Amino acid sequence: MKVECPNCRLNTEVGEDRILTSQNVVELSCPGCKNTMVLQMQFIAAKEMPPQEMDSRPTVPKSGSPFIFSQKRPAIRALKAKILRGLVNLPPMPHIILKAREVIADPDSSLKDLANIIETDQALVAKVLTLANSAYYGVSGMVSSIQHASVMLGQKTLGQLVTISASSSLLTKKLKGYQVAPDAMWKHSLACAFSARRICEKVQPELVEDAFVAGLLHDAGKIILDPYLDGHKEEFARLGRRQNRPFCETEKAILGFDHAEIMARACRLWRFPEDQVFAIRYHHSPQDSENRDLAYIVHAANLLAKSAGFTAGGGTDIDDIDPDILDFLNVDPKDLDSLVVAVIDDVNNIEQEVREG
């Protein structure tokens, strides 16, 4: 949308995302004369909008009058605007995940630095120690403190324990709209994270930490969309069956977003690294990710997780990984069966400790 400055008459472009995520007003500065302009926003639901305005283009209000945003398909547009504005009120992603990642990425950091960050959250300490002492990590009953865990397990493994523990409460919610049980969502998320980690260990070890985080959170957009989908779940199921649409297209047709796009937007609000944002946004279509390796890795990891039997509201069909994608990642197709078996063991060995911890 273009806004004309009342002072110098220069037109300024206002992005759609900025309009839709605003609460009531948009404040901007004219790039020409630096005059400050304030737009007061009023979003009108489709049923309240006069018919003659339903297909109109957005217009700039006269002085003192509200701005009315309207376009074709107003019902979906209004819902999309509501979802976007709701992102502003999302609880923050546990900041400790990002802090831990920053420490791990810093070559001058120490094991003690990471331990000090974890120890600021006592509830997290308990979960991390429970995991550290699980049979999966081979030091059962031997870890007595975070400092001890950092020495026994190393910085990268401890960072993964932080990611799992800090995100567990987010990913164990029941999704009524998607009709997904907490157990299914959590196991799929773990399976994708472990798959991503194992792929990286073979082909790009430097991406292990980013891949693990992106794999664990790739489907968390379903948690954001679920309250909105709950009132449309019958339409969602009917539309998917009747038109045989891909899962993400059905989400977009009803809500204006698919779960990958809305989670990527949330991750930008939470200041996640851009590579992780792209991987989450394009985990169903990595070819659109500007050839970012991490997006291809999470895409393959997601399909491996489904092949291992861990699905979460994405339909029952399990697609094979495109041979071109395996070639791009330099993954030997002969390794896929062993990867699936390893991921099943990963999830089964750790899932119970996480949920009980």
Protein backbone atom coordinates (compact mmCIF):
# COMPACT_ATOMS: atom_id res chain seq x y z
CA MET A 1 0.00 0.00 0.00
CA LYS A 2 1.24 3.52 -0.83
CA VAL A 3 0.79 6.43 1.54
CA GLU A 4 1.18 10.05 0.42
CA CYS A 5 2.99 12.36 2.82
CA PRO A 6 0.70 15.37 3.56
CA ASN A 7 3.79 17.56 3.92
CA CYS A 8 5.90 16.91 0.79
CA ARG A 9 3.47 14.70 -1.19
CA LEU A 10 6.04 11.89 -1.57
CA ASN A 11 4.53 8.40 -1.81
CA THR A 12 5.84 5.83 0.70
CA GLU A 13 5.31 2.07 0.41
CA VAL A 14 3.90 0.34 3.52
CA GLY A 15 4.39 -3.44 3.51
CA GLU A 16 1.37 -5.70 3.89
CA ASP A 17 2.94 -7.58 6.79
CA ARG A 18 3.33 -4.33 8.71
CA ILE A 19 -0.35 -3.54 8.20
CA LEU A 20 -1.60 -6.97 9.19
CA THR A 21 0.59 -7.33 12.27
CA SER A 22 -0.26 -3.89 13.64
CA GLN A 23 -2.56 -3.63 16.63
CA ASN A 24 -4.22 -0.26 15.92
CA VAL A 25 -1.74 2.13 14.35
CA VAL A 26 1.23 2.17 11.98
CA GLU A 27 3.80 4.90 12.53
CA LEU A 28 6.26 5.69 9.74
CA SER A 29 8.66 8.43 8.72
CA CYS A 30 8.58 10.04 5.27
CA PRO A 31 11.90 9.23 3.55
CA GLY A 32 11.80 12.65 1.86
CA CYS A 33 11.04 15.27 4.49
CA LYS A 34 11.26 13.00 7.59
CA ASN A 35 7.72 13.98 8.57
CA THR A 36 6.16 11.45 10.99
CA MET A 37 2.89 9.93 9.79
CA VAL A 38 0.50 7.88 11.89
CA LEU A 39 -2.11 5.62 10.28
CA GLN A 40 -5.00 4.55 12.45
CA MET A 41 -6.15 1.06 11.47
CA GLN A 42 -9.62 -0.42 11.55
CA PHE A 43 -10.07 -4.01 10.38
CA ILE A 44 -13.63 -4.87 9.40
CA ALA A 45 -14.85 -8.45 9.16
CA ALA A 46 -16.35 -9.53 5.85
CA LYS A 47 -19.93 -9.63 7.14
CA GLU A 48 -19.60 -6.02 8.36
CA MET A 49 -18.10 -4.65 5.14
CA PRO A 50 -20.37 -2.85 2.69
CA PRO A 51 -20.73 -4.80 -0.60
CA GLN A 52 -19.37 -1.94 -2.67
CA GLU A 53 -16.10 -2.10 -0.69
CA MET A 54 -15.57 -5.86 -0.82
CA ASP A 55 -13.43 -5.76 -3.97
CA SER A 56 -11.93 -2.32 -3.53
CA ARG A 57 -8.25 -1.56 -3.26
CA PRO A 58 -6.84 -0.27 0.03
CA THR A 59 -7.20 3.50 0.25
CA VAL A 60 -5.49 6.17 2.29
CA PRO A 61 -7.91 7.76 4.77
CA LYS A 62 -8.70 11.40 4.91
CA SER A 63 -7.34 13.24 7.92
CA GLY A 64 -8.86 11.89 11.12
CA SER A 65 -10.66 8.96 9.48
CA PRO A 66 -9.82 5.26 10.04
CA PHE A 67 -7.96 3.20 7.46
CA ILE A 68 -10.07 0.31 6.12
CA PHE A 69 -8.18 -2.69 4.73
CA SER A 70 -10.20 -4.73 2.29
CA GLN A 71 -9.68 -6.92 -0.74
CA LYS A 72 -11.06 -9.96 -2.50
CA ARG A 73 -11.73 -13.02 -0.34
CA PRO A 74 -12.31 -10.81 2.71
CA ALA A 75 -13.22 -13.61 5.12
CA ILE A 76 -9.89 -15.36 4.68
CA ARG A 77 -8.14 -12.02 4.66
CA ALA A 78 -9.71 -11.03 7.96
CA LEU A 79 -8.72 -14.36 9.52
CA LYS A 80 -5.18 -14.02 8.18
CA ALA A 81 -4.94 -10.56 9.72
CA LYS A 82 -6.17 -11.88 13.06
CA ILE A 83 -3.60 -14.69 13.04
CA LEU A 84 -0.78 -12.31 12.20
CA ARG A 85 -1.77 -9.84 14.91
CA GLY A 86 -1.89 -12.75 17.34
CA LEU A 87 1.82 -13.40 16.75
CA VAL A 88 2.58 -10.21 18.66
CA ASN A 89 1.04 -11.77 21.78
CA LEU A 90 2.80 -15.14 21.51
CA PRO A 91 4.82 -16.09 24.57
CA PRO A 92 8.51 -15.83 23.74
CA MET A 93 10.32 -18.95 22.68
CA PRO A 94 12.45 -19.94 25.66
CA HIS A 95 15.27 -17.45 25.25
CA ILE A 96 17.70 -19.90 26.78
CA ILE A 97 17.70 -21.91 23.51
CA LEU A 98 19.11 -18.95 21.62
CA LYS A 99 21.51 -17.99 24.40
CA ALA A 100 22.87 -21.53 24.52
CA ARG A 101 23.23 -21.54 20.74
CA GLU A 102 25.18 -18.25 20.85
CA VAL A 103 27.59 -19.68 23.41
CA ILE A 104 28.14 -22.85 21.40
CA ALA A 105 28.81 -20.81 18.24
CA ASP A 106 31.35 -18.61 20.02
CA PRO A 107 34.84 -20.15 19.63
CA ASP A 108 36.00 -18.27 22.73
CA SER A 109 33.27 -19.69 24.97
CA SER A 110 33.81 -22.46 27.50
CA LEU A 111 31.84 -25.34 28.96
CA LYS A 112 31.44 -23.24 32.09
CA ASP A 113 29.80 -20.42 30.08
CA LEU A 114 27.11 -22.78 28.80
CA ALA A 115 26.57 -24.31 32.23
CA ASN A 116 26.15 -20.86 33.76
CA ILE A 117 23.36 -20.00 31.31
CA ILE A 118 21.46 -23.22 32.00
CA GLU A 119 21.72 -22.76 35.75
CA THR A 120 19.69 -19.53 35.57
CA ASP A 121 16.55 -21.67 35.11
CA GLN A 122 16.13 -24.26 37.86
CA ALA A 123 13.18 -26.02 36.19
CA LEU A 124 15.32 -26.45 33.10
CA VAL A 125 18.20 -27.74 35.19
CA ALA A 126 16.00 -30.56 36.50
CA LYS A 127 14.91 -31.57 32.98
CA VAL A 128 18.45 -31.43 31.59
CA LEU A 129 19.83 -33.56 34.42
CA THR A 130 17.04 -36.11 33.94
CA LEU A 131 17.98 -36.43 30.28
CA ALA A 132 21.71 -36.43 30.96
CA ASN A 133 21.25 -39.38 33.30
CA SER A 134 19.11 -41.36 30.88
CA ALA A 135 20.44 -44.61 29.43
CA TYR A 136 20.45 -42.97 25.98
CA TYR A 137 23.54 -40.92 26.82
CA GLY A 138 25.37 -43.79 28.47
CA VAL A 139 26.13 -42.09 31.80
CA SER A 140 23.07 -43.22 33.73
CA GLY A 141 23.09 -41.95 37.33
CA MET A 142 26.55 -40.42 37.04
CA VAL A 143 25.68 -36.75 36.34
CA SER A 144 25.08 -34.70 39.47
CA SER A 145 25.20 -31.09 38.19
CA ILE A 146 25.13 -29.02 35.02
CA GLN A 147 28.85 -28.36 35.37
CA HIS A 148 29.40 -32.11 35.61
CA ALA A 149 27.14 -32.72 32.60
CA SER A 150 29.12 -30.25 30.51
CA VAL A 151 32.30 -32.17 31.23
CA MET A 152 30.78 -35.64 30.78
CA LEU A 153 28.75 -34.92 27.63
CA GLY A 154 30.45 -31.97 25.99
CA GLN A 155 29.15 -28.61 24.88
CA LYS A 156 27.22 -29.66 21.75
CA THR A 157 25.37 -32.56 23.39
CA LEU A 158 24.52 -30.37 26.36
CA GLY A 159 23.19 -27.74 23.95
CA GLN A 160 20.88 -30.35 22.39
CA LEU A 161 19.61 -31.32 25.84
CA VAL A 162 18.77 -27.67 26.48
CA THR A 163 16.85 -27.44 23.19
CA ILE A 164 14.85 -30.61 23.91
CA SER A 165 14.09 -29.67 27.50
CA ALA A 166 13.19 -26.03 26.84
CA SER A 167 10.84 -26.83 23.95
CA SER A 168 9.13 -29.87 25.49
CA SER A 169 6.28 -27.89 27.08
CA LEU A 170 5.55 -26.18 23.74
CA LEU A 171 5.51 -29.39 21.71
CA THR A 172 3.44 -31.58 24.04
CA LYS A 173 0.15 -29.73 23.55
CA LYS A 174 -2.94 -31.50 22.24
CA LEU A 175 -3.92 -30.14 18.82
CA LYS A 176 -7.71 -30.31 18.63
CA GLY A 177 -7.98 -28.69 15.21
CA TYR A 178 -5.41 -30.99 13.63
CA GLN A 179 -6.67 -33.90 15.75
CA VAL A 180 -3.14 -34.74 16.82
CA ALA A 181 -2.33 -36.16 20.24
CA PRO A 182 0.50 -34.57 22.26
CA ASP A 183 2.40 -37.84 22.12
CA ALA A 184 2.32 -37.89 18.30
CA MET A 185 3.42 -34.29 17.88
CA TRP A 186 6.27 -34.65 20.35
CA LYS A 187 7.58 -37.89 18.88
CA HIS A 188 7.48 -36.53 15.33
CA SER A 189 9.39 -33.43 16.43
CA LEU A 190 12.04 -35.52 18.18
CA ALA A 191 12.30 -37.87 15.21
CA CYS A 192 12.84 -34.99 12.79
CA ALA A 193 15.47 -33.42 15.07
CA PHE A 194 17.38 -36.69 15.45
CA SER A 195 17.09 -37.38 11.70
CA ALA A 196 18.47 -33.94 10.90
CA ARG A 197 21.32 -34.45 13.33
CA ARG A 198 22.24 -37.84 11.89
CA ILE A 199 22.17 -36.53 8.32
CA CYS A 200 24.44 -33.63 9.28
CA GLU A 201 26.85 -35.88 11.13
CA LYS A 202 27.38 -37.74 7.85
CA VAL A 203 27.51 -34.86 5.39
CA GLN A 204 27.80 -31.44 7.10
CA PRO A 205 28.86 -31.65 10.76
CA GLU A 206 29.09 -27.87 11.03
CA LEU A 207 25.28 -27.63 10.68
CA VAL A 208 24.42 -30.15 13.40
CA GLU A 209 23.24 -27.63 16.00
CA ASP A 210 21.17 -25.51 13.59
CA ALA A 211 19.66 -28.64 12.03
CA PHE A 212 18.69 -30.08 15.41
CA VAL A 213 16.86 -26.89 16.46
CA ALA A 214 15.12 -26.43 13.09
CA GLY A 215 14.15 -30.11 12.99
CA LEU A 216 12.67 -29.99 16.47
CA LEU A 217 10.60 -26.85 15.76
CA HIS A 218 9.74 -27.34 12.08
CA ASP A 219 6.07 -28.21 12.75
CA ALA A 220 5.47 -25.88 15.70
CA GLY A 221 3.44 -23.64 13.41
CA LYS A 222 0.61 -26.14 13.84
CA ILE A 223 0.46 -25.12 17.49
CA ILE A 224 -0.01 -21.48 16.45
CA LEU A 225 -2.68 -22.30 13.84
CA ASP A 226 -4.54 -24.96 15.81
CA PRO A 227 -6.98 -22.66 17.69
CA TYR A 228 -8.04 -21.12 14.37
CA LEU A 229 -8.27 -24.46 12.60
CA ASP A 230 -10.38 -25.98 15.39
CA GLY A 231 -13.51 -24.22 14.14
CA HIS A 232 -12.81 -25.29 10.55
CA LYS A 233 -11.61 -28.87 11.04
CA GLU A 234 -14.58 -30.45 9.25
CA GLU A 235 -14.11 -28.09 6.30
CA PHE A 236 -10.39 -28.81 6.43
CA ALA A 237 -10.93 -32.57 6.18
CA ARG A 238 -13.62 -32.22 3.52
CA LEU A 239 -11.60 -29.88 1.32
CA GLY A 240 -8.53 -32.08 1.53
CA ARG A 241 -10.49 -35.17 0.52
CA ARG A 242 -12.58 -33.59 -2.20
CA GLN A 243 -9.85 -31.73 -4.03
CA ASN A 244 -7.00 -34.08 -3.13
CA ARG A 245 -4.93 -31.04 -2.19
CA PRO A 246 -1.55 -31.24 -0.52
CA PHE A 247 -1.82 -30.70 3.23
CA CYS A 248 -0.15 -27.26 3.23
CA GLU A 249 -2.34 -25.99 0.40
CA THR A 250 -5.46 -26.95 2.34
CA GLU A 251 -4.20 -25.03 5.38
CA LYS A 252 -3.57 -21.97 3.22
CA ALA A 253 -6.95 -22.19 1.50
CA ILE A 254 -8.77 -22.06 4.84
CA LEU A 255 -6.51 -20.00 7.09
CA GLY A 256 -4.43 -17.93 4.68
CA PHE A 257 -1.24 -19.57 5.97
CA ASP A 258 0.34 -22.98 6.10
CA HIS A 259 2.08 -24.07 9.30
CA ALA A 260 5.57 -23.64 7.84
CA GLU A 261 5.04 -20.00 6.88
CA ILE A 262 3.47 -18.94 10.19
CA MET A 263 6.24 -20.61 12.20
CA ALA A 264 8.89 -18.88 10.10
CA ARG A 265 7.23 -15.54 10.87
CA ALA A 266 7.18 -16.39 14.57
CA CYS A 267 10.85 -17.34 14.45
CA ARG A 268 11.70 -13.97 12.98
CA LEU A 269 9.88 -12.30 15.86
CA TRP A 270 11.92 -14.48 18.23
CA ARG A 271 15.12 -13.45 16.36
CA PHE A 272 16.12 -16.92 15.24
CA PRO A 273 19.06 -17.16 12.80
CA GLU A 274 17.93 -16.62 9.22
CA ASP A 275 19.18 -20.04 8.08
CA GLN A 276 16.89 -21.74 10.60
CA VAL A 277 13.97 -19.50 9.57
CA PHE A 278 14.43 -20.53 5.92
CA ALA A 279 14.73 -24.21 6.85
CA ILE A 280 11.45 -24.12 8.78
CA ARG A 281 9.67 -22.02 6.14
CA TYR A 282 10.65 -24.31 3.26
CA HIS A 283 10.83 -27.73 4.88
CA HIS A 284 8.11 -28.92 2.46
CA SER A 285 9.59 -27.14 -0.59
CA PRO A 286 13.36 -26.78 -0.14
CA GLN A 287 13.76 -25.91 -3.83
CA ASP A 288 12.28 -22.48 -2.94
CA SER A 289 14.83 -21.81 -0.18
CA GLU A 290 17.54 -20.23 -2.34
CA ASN A 291 19.39 -23.57 -2.23
CA ARG A 292 20.04 -23.40 1.51
CA ASP A 293 21.44 -26.73 2.65
CA LEU A 294 19.63 -26.58 5.97
CA ALA A 295 16.21 -26.46 4.29
CA TYR A 296 17.04 -29.60 2.30
CA ILE A 297 18.32 -31.33 5.44
CA VAL A 298 15.15 -30.59 7.44
CA HIS A 299 13.00 -31.60 4.47
CA ALA A 300 14.74 -34.97 4.25
CA ALA A 301 14.66 -35.36 8.04
CA ASN A 302 10.90 -34.72 8.09
CA LEU A 303 10.31 -37.47 5.53
CA LEU A 304 12.64 -39.83 7.40
CA ALA A 305 10.69 -39.18 10.61
CA LYS A 306 7.47 -40.13 8.81
CA SER A 307 9.11 -43.22 7.34
CA ALA A 308 10.06 -44.19 10.88
CA GLY A 309 6.36 -44.12 11.79
CA PHE A 310 6.24 -40.73 13.52
CA THR A 311 3.61 -38.53 11.86
CA ALA A 312 1.79 -35.47 13.19
CA GLY A 313 -1.25 -34.24 11.32
CA GLY A 314 0.25 -34.19 7.86
CA GLY A 315 -1.84 -36.86 6.19
CA THR A 316 -1.20 -40.59 6.04
CA ASP A 317 0.78 -40.67 2.79
CA ILE A 318 4.54 -41.02 3.23
CA ASP A 319 6.59 -39.67 0.36
CA ASP A 320 9.99 -41.01 -0.61
CA ILE A 321 12.86 -38.55 -0.55
CA ASP A 322 13.50 -37.24 -4.04
CA PRO A 323 16.73 -38.78 -5.42
CA ASP A 324 17.81 -35.31 -6.55
CA ILE A 325 17.59 -34.11 -2.95
CA LEU A 326 19.65 -37.04 -1.73
CA ASP A 327 22.18 -36.24 -4.42
CA PHE A 328 22.20 -32.57 -3.40
CA LEU A 329 22.89 -33.58 0.21
CA ASN A 330 25.39 -36.25 -0.82
CA VAL A 331 23.40 -38.90 1.07
CA ASP A 332 23.64 -42.48 -0.19
CA PRO A 333 20.11 -43.97 -0.64
CA LYS A 334 21.50 -47.22 0.79
CA ASP A 335 21.94 -45.47 4.14
CA LEU A 336 18.26 -44.53 4.52
CA ASP A 337 17.08 -47.80 6.06
CA SER A 338 19.79 -47.72 8.72
CA LEU A 339 18.99 -44.05 9.43
CA VAL A 340 15.32 -44.88 9.97
CA VAL A 341 16.19 -47.69 12.38
CA ALA A 342 18.57 -45.41 14.29
CA VAL A 343 15.96 -42.66 14.58
CA ILE A 344 13.36 -45.09 15.92
CA ASP A 345 15.83 -46.09 18.61
CA ASP A 346 16.66 -42.43 19.34
CA VAL A 347 13.04 -41.51 19.93
CA ASN A 348 12.06 -44.60 21.87
CA ASN A 349 15.09 -44.34 24.13
CA ILE A 350 14.65 -40.70 25.06
CA GLU A 351 10.95 -39.81 24.73
CA GLN A 352 9.84 -41.26 28.05
CA GLU A 353 12.60 -39.52 30.01
CA VAL A 354 11.71 -36.18 28.41
CA ARG A 355 8.03 -36.35 29.22
CA GLU A 356 8.52 -37.61 32.75
CA GLY A 357 11.29 -35.10 33.39
